[in-house]
């Protein structure tokens, strides 16, 4: 993928010539109902396919899962040659700490209520 530097420079020159007024009217914020009605620009399947293709070029595989206790997505980076987990995001230790903090907070609020 290449970037045309001359296009960037000419765009910067055009932007520099145009003076932005001190008060710019902002568009009205969209309503929640309108946001929910619009469809996403790219589907989740397309994103996952692109991520898989990119990771395959580096001889890596991405595995997505959900930590049920935290309701959080966990991504594992796996080496395709050895099938070993190279990295887990967030790390397992951090997930355990987060779970324990939730447990402690639950105990504190249950005892006080």
N, C-alpha and C. Protein backbone atom coordinates (compact mmCIF):
# COMPACT_ATOMS: atom_id res chain seq x y z
N UNK A 1 0.84 -1.15 0.00
CA UNK A 1 0.00 0.00 0.00
C UNK A 1 0.89 1.22 0.00
N UNK A 2 0.70 2.12 -0.94
CA UNK A 2 1.52 3.30 -1.02
C UNK A 2 0.67 4.54 -0.83
N UNK A 3 1.30 5.60 -0.38
CA UNK A 3 0.62 6.86 -0.19
C UNK A 3 1.29 7.90 -1.07
N UNK A 4 0.47 8.66 -1.78
CA UNK A 4 0.98 9.70 -2.65
C UNK A 4 1.26 10.94 -1.80
N UNK A 5 2.55 11.24 -1.61
CA UNK A 5 2.95 12.36 -0.76
C UNK A 5 2.52 13.68 -1.36
N UNK A 6 2.54 13.82 -2.67
CA UNK A 6 2.14 15.08 -3.29
C UNK A 6 0.68 15.39 -3.01
N UNK A 7 -0.16 14.35 -2.94
CA UNK A 7 -1.57 14.58 -2.63
C UNK A 7 -1.73 15.08 -1.20
N UNK A 8 -0.91 14.57 -0.30
CA UNK A 8 -0.99 15.01 1.09
C UNK A 8 -0.54 16.47 1.20
N UNK A 9 0.55 16.81 0.52
CA UNK A 9 1.05 18.17 0.58
C UNK A 9 0.06 19.15 -0.02
N UNK A 10 -0.57 18.81 -1.15
CA UNK A 10 -1.52 19.73 -1.77
C UNK A 10 -2.76 19.87 -0.91
N UNK A 11 -3.18 18.80 -0.23
CA UNK A 11 -4.34 18.88 0.65
C UNK A 11 -4.03 19.77 1.84
N UNK A 12 -2.80 19.69 2.34
CA UNK A 12 -2.41 20.54 3.47
C UNK A 12 -2.37 22.00 3.04
N UNK A 13 -1.91 22.26 1.82
CA UNK A 13 -1.85 23.63 1.32
C UNK A 13 -3.26 24.20 1.16
N UNK A 14 -4.17 23.41 0.65
CA UNK A 14 -5.55 23.86 0.49
C UNK A 14 -6.18 24.14 1.85
N UNK A 15 -5.93 23.25 2.80
CA UNK A 15 -6.48 23.43 4.14
C UNK A 15 -5.91 24.67 4.80
N UNK A 16 -4.63 24.97 4.54
CA UNK A 16 -4.00 26.14 5.14
C UNK A 16 -4.56 27.43 4.57
N UNK A 17 -4.96 27.43 3.29
CA UNK A 17 -5.51 28.62 2.65
C UNK A 17 -6.92 28.92 3.15
N UNK A 18 -7.68 27.88 3.44
CA UNK A 18 -9.04 28.07 3.92
C UNK A 18 -9.02 28.40 5.40
N UNK A 19 -9.59 29.53 5.74
CA UNK A 19 -9.62 29.95 7.13
C UNK A 19 -10.91 29.41 7.74
N UNK A 20 -10.77 28.75 8.86
CA UNK A 20 -11.94 28.19 9.54
C UNK A 20 -12.53 29.28 10.42
N UNK A 21 -13.84 29.55 10.30
CA UNK A 21 -14.46 30.59 11.13
C UNK A 21 -14.34 30.25 12.61
N UNK A 22 -14.33 31.29 13.44
CA UNK A 22 -14.17 31.10 14.87
C UNK A 22 -15.32 30.27 15.45
N UNK A 23 -16.53 30.52 14.96
CA UNK A 23 -17.68 29.76 15.45
C UNK A 23 -18.19 28.87 14.33
N UNK A 24 -18.06 27.61 14.55
CA UNK A 24 -18.55 26.65 13.58
C UNK A 24 -19.75 25.95 14.19
N UNK A 25 -20.84 25.95 13.43
CA UNK A 25 -22.03 25.29 13.95
C UNK A 25 -21.84 23.79 13.85
N UNK A 26 -22.16 23.12 14.93
CA UNK A 26 -22.06 21.67 14.93
C UNK A 26 -23.41 21.07 14.59
N UNK A 27 -23.36 19.95 13.95
CA UNK A 27 -24.59 19.27 13.59
C UNK A 27 -25.28 18.75 14.85
N UNK A 28 -26.58 18.63 14.77
CA UNK A 28 -27.33 18.12 15.91
C UNK A 28 -26.93 16.68 16.18
N UNK A 29 -26.89 16.32 17.45
CA UNK A 29 -26.51 14.96 17.81
C UNK A 29 -27.62 14.00 17.37
N UNK A 30 -27.22 12.88 16.77
CA UNK A 30 -28.24 11.91 16.35
C UNK A 30 -28.90 11.26 17.55
N UNK A 31 -30.16 10.92 17.38
CA UNK A 31 -30.90 10.25 18.44
C UNK A 31 -30.49 8.79 18.52
N UNK A 32 -30.65 8.21 19.69
CA UNK A 32 -30.28 6.81 19.89
C UNK A 32 -31.07 5.89 18.96
N UNK A 33 -32.33 6.22 18.72
CA UNK A 33 -33.15 5.38 17.85
C UNK A 33 -32.59 5.37 16.42
N UNK A 34 -32.12 6.54 15.97
CA UNK A 34 -31.56 6.64 14.62
C UNK A 34 -30.26 5.86 14.50
N UNK A 35 -29.46 5.89 15.55
CA UNK A 35 -28.20 5.17 15.53
C UNK A 35 -28.45 3.67 15.45
N UNK A 36 -29.43 3.20 16.21
CA UNK A 36 -29.73 1.77 16.23
C UNK A 36 -30.30 1.29 14.89
N UNK A 37 -30.96 2.17 14.14
CA UNK A 37 -31.57 1.78 12.88
C UNK A 37 -30.53 1.65 11.77
N UNK A 38 -29.46 2.41 11.85
CA UNK A 38 -28.45 2.36 10.80
C UNK A 38 -27.68 1.07 10.86
N UNK A 39 -27.31 0.57 9.71
CA UNK A 39 -26.55 -0.68 9.66
C UNK A 39 -25.06 -0.36 9.72
N UNK A 40 -24.27 -1.24 10.29
CA UNK A 40 -22.83 -0.98 10.36
C UNK A 40 -22.22 -0.94 8.96
N UNK A 41 -21.16 -0.15 8.82
CA UNK A 41 -20.51 -0.03 7.53
C UNK A 41 -19.86 -1.34 7.10
N UNK A 42 -19.30 -2.05 8.05
CA UNK A 42 -18.63 -3.32 7.76
C UNK A 42 -19.15 -4.35 8.75
N UNK A 43 -19.44 -5.54 8.26
CA UNK A 43 -19.95 -6.58 9.14
C UNK A 43 -18.82 -7.19 9.96
N UNK A 44 -19.18 -7.81 11.04
CA UNK A 44 -18.20 -8.45 11.92
C UNK A 44 -17.48 -9.58 11.19
N UNK A 45 -18.20 -10.31 10.34
CA UNK A 45 -17.58 -11.41 9.58
C UNK A 45 -16.49 -10.88 8.65
N UNK A 46 -16.75 -9.73 8.01
CA UNK A 46 -15.75 -9.14 7.12
C UNK A 46 -14.51 -8.72 7.90
N UNK A 47 -14.73 -8.15 9.06
CA UNK A 47 -13.60 -7.73 9.90
C UNK A 47 -12.77 -8.93 10.31
N UNK A 48 -13.44 -10.01 10.75
CA UNK A 48 -12.72 -11.20 11.17
C UNK A 48 -11.96 -11.84 10.02
N UNK A 49 -12.54 -11.82 8.82
CA UNK A 49 -11.84 -12.35 7.65
C UNK A 49 -10.58 -11.54 7.36
N UNK A 50 -10.68 -10.23 7.44
CA UNK A 50 -9.51 -9.38 7.19
C UNK A 50 -8.43 -9.60 8.25
N UNK A 51 -8.86 -9.71 9.51
CA UNK A 51 -7.89 -9.96 10.58
C UNK A 51 -7.20 -11.31 10.38
N UNK A 52 -7.95 -12.31 9.96
CA UNK A 52 -7.37 -13.63 9.71
C UNK A 52 -6.36 -13.58 8.58
N UNK A 53 -6.70 -12.85 7.52
CA UNK A 53 -5.78 -12.74 6.39
C UNK A 53 -4.49 -12.02 6.78
N UNK A 54 -4.62 -10.97 7.55
CA UNK A 54 -3.44 -10.21 7.98
C UNK A 54 -2.59 -11.05 8.92
N UNK A 55 -3.22 -11.73 9.87
CA UNK A 55 -2.44 -12.54 10.81
C UNK A 55 -1.78 -13.73 10.13
N UNK A 56 -2.39 -14.25 9.07
CA UNK A 56 -1.81 -15.38 8.34
C UNK A 56 -0.50 -14.99 7.67
N UNK A 57 -0.38 -13.74 7.27
CA UNK A 57 0.86 -13.30 6.64
C UNK A 57 2.03 -13.32 7.62
N UNK A 58 1.73 -13.24 8.90
CA UNK A 58 2.77 -13.27 9.93
C UNK A 58 2.89 -14.64 10.59
N UNK A 59 2.30 -15.67 9.98
CA UNK A 59 2.28 -17.03 10.53
C UNK A 59 1.68 -17.06 11.93
N UNK A 60 0.64 -16.28 12.12
CA UNK A 60 -0.06 -16.23 13.40
C UNK A 60 -1.55 -16.45 13.13
N UNK A 61 -2.25 -16.88 14.17
CA UNK A 61 -3.70 -17.06 14.09
C UNK A 61 -4.31 -16.36 15.28
N UNK A 62 -5.45 -15.73 15.08
CA UNK A 62 -6.15 -15.07 16.17
C UNK A 62 -7.35 -15.90 16.57
N UNK A 63 -7.50 -16.13 17.87
CA UNK A 63 -8.65 -16.85 18.39
C UNK A 63 -9.41 -15.92 19.32
N UNK A 64 -10.68 -15.72 19.05
CA UNK A 64 -11.51 -14.83 19.85
C UNK A 64 -12.42 -15.66 20.74
N UNK A 65 -12.53 -15.24 21.99
CA UNK A 65 -13.46 -15.90 22.92
C UNK A 65 -14.00 -14.84 23.86
N UNK A 66 -14.97 -15.24 24.67
CA UNK A 66 -15.57 -14.31 25.62
C UNK A 66 -15.41 -14.89 27.01
N UNK A 67 -14.87 -14.08 27.92
CA UNK A 67 -14.79 -14.45 29.32
C UNK A 67 -16.17 -14.20 29.91
N UNK A 68 -16.89 -15.27 30.23
CA UNK A 68 -18.27 -15.17 30.69
C UNK A 68 -18.38 -14.40 32.01
N UNK A 69 -17.41 -14.57 32.90
CA UNK A 69 -17.46 -13.91 34.20
C UNK A 69 -17.32 -12.41 34.08
N UNK A 70 -16.54 -11.96 33.09
CA UNK A 70 -16.28 -10.54 32.93
C UNK A 70 -17.08 -9.90 31.80
N UNK A 71 -17.73 -10.72 30.98
CA UNK A 71 -18.38 -10.23 29.75
C UNK A 71 -17.39 -9.42 28.92
N UNK A 72 -16.23 -10.02 28.68
CA UNK A 72 -15.14 -9.33 28.00
C UNK A 72 -14.57 -10.23 26.92
N UNK A 73 -14.21 -9.64 25.80
CA UNK A 73 -13.61 -10.39 24.70
C UNK A 73 -12.16 -10.67 25.02
N UNK A 74 -11.72 -11.90 24.76
CA UNK A 74 -10.33 -12.31 24.97
C UNK A 74 -9.78 -12.74 23.61
N UNK A 75 -8.63 -12.21 23.27
CA UNK A 75 -7.98 -12.54 21.99
C UNK A 75 -6.70 -13.30 22.29
N UNK A 76 -6.54 -14.44 21.64
CA UNK A 76 -5.31 -15.21 21.76
C UNK A 76 -4.58 -15.17 20.44
N UNK A 77 -3.29 -14.83 20.49
CA UNK A 77 -2.42 -14.86 19.31
C UNK A 77 -1.69 -16.19 19.35
N UNK A 78 -1.90 -17.00 18.32
CA UNK A 78 -1.38 -18.37 18.29
C UNK A 78 -0.41 -18.52 17.13
N UNK A 79 0.74 -19.12 17.39
CA UNK A 79 1.72 -19.41 16.34
C UNK A 79 1.19 -20.60 15.53
N UNK A 80 1.06 -20.43 14.22
CA UNK A 80 0.49 -21.49 13.39
C UNK A 80 1.42 -22.69 13.25
N UNK A 81 2.72 -22.49 13.38
CA UNK A 81 3.66 -23.60 13.24
C UNK A 81 3.62 -24.54 14.45
N UNK A 82 3.56 -23.96 15.65
CA UNK A 82 3.65 -24.77 16.87
C UNK A 82 2.31 -24.89 17.60
N UNK A 83 1.31 -24.12 17.20
CA UNK A 83 0.01 -24.07 17.88
C UNK A 83 0.12 -23.67 19.34
N UNK A 84 1.12 -22.88 19.68
CA UNK A 84 1.29 -22.37 21.04
C UNK A 84 0.73 -20.96 21.11
N UNK A 85 0.15 -20.64 22.26
CA UNK A 85 -0.37 -19.29 22.48
C UNK A 85 0.81 -18.37 22.76
N UNK A 86 0.98 -17.38 21.91
CA UNK A 86 2.08 -16.42 22.06
C UNK A 86 1.68 -15.32 23.04
N UNK A 87 0.45 -14.83 22.88
CA UNK A 87 -0.01 -13.73 23.73
C UNK A 87 -1.52 -13.84 23.89
N UNK A 88 -1.97 -13.44 25.06
CA UNK A 88 -3.40 -13.39 25.34
C UNK A 88 -3.73 -11.97 25.77
N UNK A 89 -4.76 -11.40 25.16
CA UNK A 89 -5.12 -10.02 25.43
C UNK A 89 -6.56 -10.00 25.92
N UNK A 90 -6.86 -9.54 27.11
CA UNK A 90 -5.95 -9.19 28.19
C UNK A 90 -5.31 -10.44 28.78
N UNK A 91 -4.15 -10.27 29.42
CA UNK A 91 -3.44 -11.43 29.98
C UNK A 91 -4.30 -12.18 31.01
N UNK A 92 -4.06 -13.47 31.11
CA UNK A 92 -4.82 -14.33 32.02
C UNK A 92 -4.75 -13.81 33.45
N UNK A 93 -3.58 -13.39 33.89
CA UNK A 93 -3.42 -12.89 35.25
C UNK A 93 -4.30 -11.67 35.50
N UNK A 94 -4.36 -10.79 34.52
CA UNK A 94 -5.18 -9.59 34.65
C UNK A 94 -6.66 -9.96 34.69
N UNK A 95 -7.06 -10.97 33.94
CA UNK A 95 -8.44 -11.42 33.99
C UNK A 95 -8.79 -11.96 35.37
N UNK A 96 -7.87 -12.73 35.97
CA UNK A 96 -8.10 -13.26 37.31
C UNK A 96 -8.20 -12.14 38.34
N UNK A 97 -7.34 -11.13 38.22
CA UNK A 97 -7.38 -9.99 39.15
C UNK A 97 -8.72 -9.27 39.00
N UNK A 98 -9.14 -9.06 37.78
CA UNK A 98 -10.40 -8.37 37.52
C UNK A 98 -11.57 -9.15 38.12
N UNK A 99 -11.56 -10.48 37.94
CA UNK A 99 -12.61 -11.32 38.51
C UNK A 99 -12.62 -11.21 40.03
N UNK A 100 -11.44 -11.25 40.63
CA UNK A 100 -11.33 -11.19 42.10
C UNK A 100 -11.82 -9.84 42.62
N UNK A 101 -11.48 -8.76 41.92
CA UNK A 101 -11.95 -7.43 42.33
C UNK A 101 -13.47 -7.37 42.30
N UNK A 102 -14.07 -7.94 41.25
CA UNK A 102 -15.53 -7.97 41.17
C UNK A 102 -16.13 -8.77 42.33
N UNK A 103 -15.49 -9.89 42.68
CA UNK A 103 -15.98 -10.70 43.80
C UNK A 103 -15.93 -9.91 45.10
N UNK A 104 -14.80 -9.23 45.34
CA UNK A 104 -14.63 -8.47 46.58
C UNK A 104 -15.63 -7.33 46.63
N UNK A 105 -15.81 -6.62 45.52
CA UNK A 105 -16.79 -5.54 45.50
C UNK A 105 -18.19 -6.09 45.76
N UNK A 106 -18.49 -7.24 45.21
CA UNK A 106 -19.80 -7.85 45.44
C UNK A 106 -20.00 -8.19 46.90
N UNK A 107 -18.96 -8.71 47.55
CA UNK A 107 -19.05 -9.05 48.97
C UNK A 107 -19.23 -7.79 49.81
N UNK A 108 -18.47 -6.73 49.50
CA UNK A 108 -18.58 -5.49 50.26
C UNK A 108 -19.97 -4.88 50.16
N UNK A 109 -20.52 -4.83 48.97
CA UNK A 109 -21.82 -4.21 48.80
C UNK A 109 -22.94 -5.10 49.34
N UNK A 110 -22.77 -6.42 49.29
CA UNK A 110 -23.77 -7.31 49.86
C UNK A 110 -23.81 -7.19 51.38
N UNK A 111 -22.63 -7.03 52.01
CA UNK A 111 -22.57 -6.93 53.46
C UNK A 111 -23.14 -5.60 53.96
N UNK A 112 -22.94 -4.54 53.20
CA UNK A 112 -23.41 -3.22 53.62
C UNK A 112 -24.90 -3.04 53.36
N UNK A 113 -25.45 -3.74 52.41
CA UNK A 113 -26.87 -3.57 52.06
C UNK A 113 -27.74 -4.31 52.97
